[in-house]
Every structure is written in C-alpha cells, then in structure tokens.
Amino acid sequence: MKKTIFMEKYPVYTLEIQKDETTYTKVVEILAHLKALVDAHKIAAYIATFDHYSHTTALNGDINPTIKDAVILHL
C-alpha cells in the first residue's frame, strides 16, 4: 500500500492489485467486497460510490479504450 499526502495535510492510501492477484473479474465484485469490509469496520464509514466511467460517458468525455470501468468508493 502506498501513502501519499494530498494538499500537505490529507493522507491518501493507494493499493494496486494486478489481475493475476485476485479472483474478482468485475469492478462491481471488488466494490462489494470493499464495502463489506468497510461496513464491518468499527471506525471506517461508507459515504458514497461515484461511477466515474458512467459520469464521463454521459458528458461525452474521452475515455481511453483500454479503460473498462472506473468507480470511486468514498470513505
């Protein structure tokens, strides 16, 4: 897991998982798993899920053809 500091104040944690490191095949499966972990956590709180891919598509925005989905889970 990689930690970066946003605006010199807010920690942001990033974890990159390669396709061969998971059994999940769809973004919705990964999000369901992560949300279950958050719901079971005593401190973490689920705020919202933002479907970035659908939003950009609705705006007729350019999306690299190699990108199949993009969702942000807000905690």
Protein backbone atom coordinates (compact mmCIF):
# COMPACT_ATOMS: atom_id res chain seq x y z
CA MET A 1 0.00 0.00 0.00
CA LYS A 2 1.30 3.42 -0.94
CA LYS A 3 0.63 6.51 1.18
CA THR A 4 0.71 10.00 -0.29
CA ILE A 5 -0.20 13.30 1.28
CA PHE A 6 -2.78 15.45 -0.51
CA MET A 7 -2.59 19.24 -0.04
CA GLU A 8 0.19 18.74 2.53
CA LYS A 9 -2.42 17.52 5.02
CA TYR A 10 -4.65 14.62 3.95
CA PRO A 11 -3.30 11.07 3.72
CA VAL A 12 -4.37 9.10 0.64
CA TYR A 13 -3.70 5.37 0.51
CA THR A 14 -3.42 3.51 -2.79
CA LEU A 15 -3.24 -0.22 -3.35
CA GLU A 16 -2.67 -1.56 -6.85
CA ILE A 17 -3.66 -5.17 -7.46
CA GLN A 18 -2.75 -6.97 -10.65
CA LYS A 19 -5.35 -9.12 -12.41
CA ASP A 20 -3.44 -12.30 -11.57
CA GLU A 21 -3.50 -11.40 -7.85
CA THR A 22 -7.30 -11.65 -7.45
CA THR A 23 -10.20 -13.91 -8.31
CA TYR A 24 -12.54 -10.99 -8.98
CA THR A 25 -13.34 -10.29 -12.63
CA LYS A 26 -15.67 -7.27 -12.36
CA VAL A 27 -15.35 -3.90 -10.64
CA VAL A 28 -18.77 -4.37 -9.00
CA GLU A 29 -17.45 -7.52 -7.26
CA ILE A 30 -14.43 -5.68 -5.92
CA LEU A 31 -16.58 -2.78 -4.69
CA ALA A 32 -18.99 -5.16 -2.93
CA HIS A 33 -16.07 -6.81 -1.15
CA LEU A 34 -14.52 -3.48 -0.11
CA LYS A 35 -17.87 -2.08 1.06
CA ALA A 36 -18.44 -5.19 3.19
CA LEU A 37 -15.05 -4.65 4.81
CA VAL A 38 -15.88 -1.01 5.50
CA ASP A 39 -19.32 -1.89 6.90
CA ALA A 40 -17.72 -4.42 9.26
CA HIS A 41 -15.03 -1.97 10.43
CA LYS A 42 -15.56 -0.30 13.80
CA ILE A 43 -14.24 3.11 12.69
CA ALA A 44 -14.45 3.36 8.90
CA ALA A 45 -17.67 4.74 7.44
CA TYR A 46 -19.07 4.36 3.94
CA ILE A 47 -20.01 7.70 2.38
CA ALA A 48 -20.80 7.10 -1.29
CA THR A 49 -19.91 5.35 -4.51
CA PHE A 50 -19.23 7.50 -7.58
CA ASP A 51 -19.37 5.87 -11.01
CA HIS A 52 -16.74 7.93 -12.77
CA TYR A 53 -16.99 5.93 -16.01
CA SER A 54 -20.76 6.49 -16.41
CA HIS A 55 -20.40 10.15 -15.49
CA THR A 56 -17.68 10.76 -18.08
CA THR A 57 -19.63 8.78 -20.70
CA ALA A 58 -22.77 10.87 -20.03
CA LEU A 59 -20.73 14.03 -20.64
CA ASN A 60 -19.42 12.58 -23.92
CA GLY A 61 -15.95 12.73 -22.41
CA ASP A 62 -12.93 11.00 -23.89
CA ILE A 63 -12.14 7.64 -22.32
CA ASN A 64 -9.12 5.58 -23.22
CA PRO A 65 -10.48 2.43 -24.92
CA THR A 66 -8.41 0.22 -22.59
CA ILE A 67 -10.42 1.51 -19.59
CA LYS A 68 -13.47 -0.66 -18.98
CA ASP A 69 -14.77 0.84 -15.71
CA ALA A 70 -13.86 3.48 -13.14
CA VAL A 71 -15.55 3.79 -9.77
CA ILE A 72 -14.58 5.66 -6.62
CA LEU A 73 -15.55 4.36 -3.20
CA HIS A 74 -15.68 7.28 -0.75
CA LEU A 75 -14.97 6.54 2.91
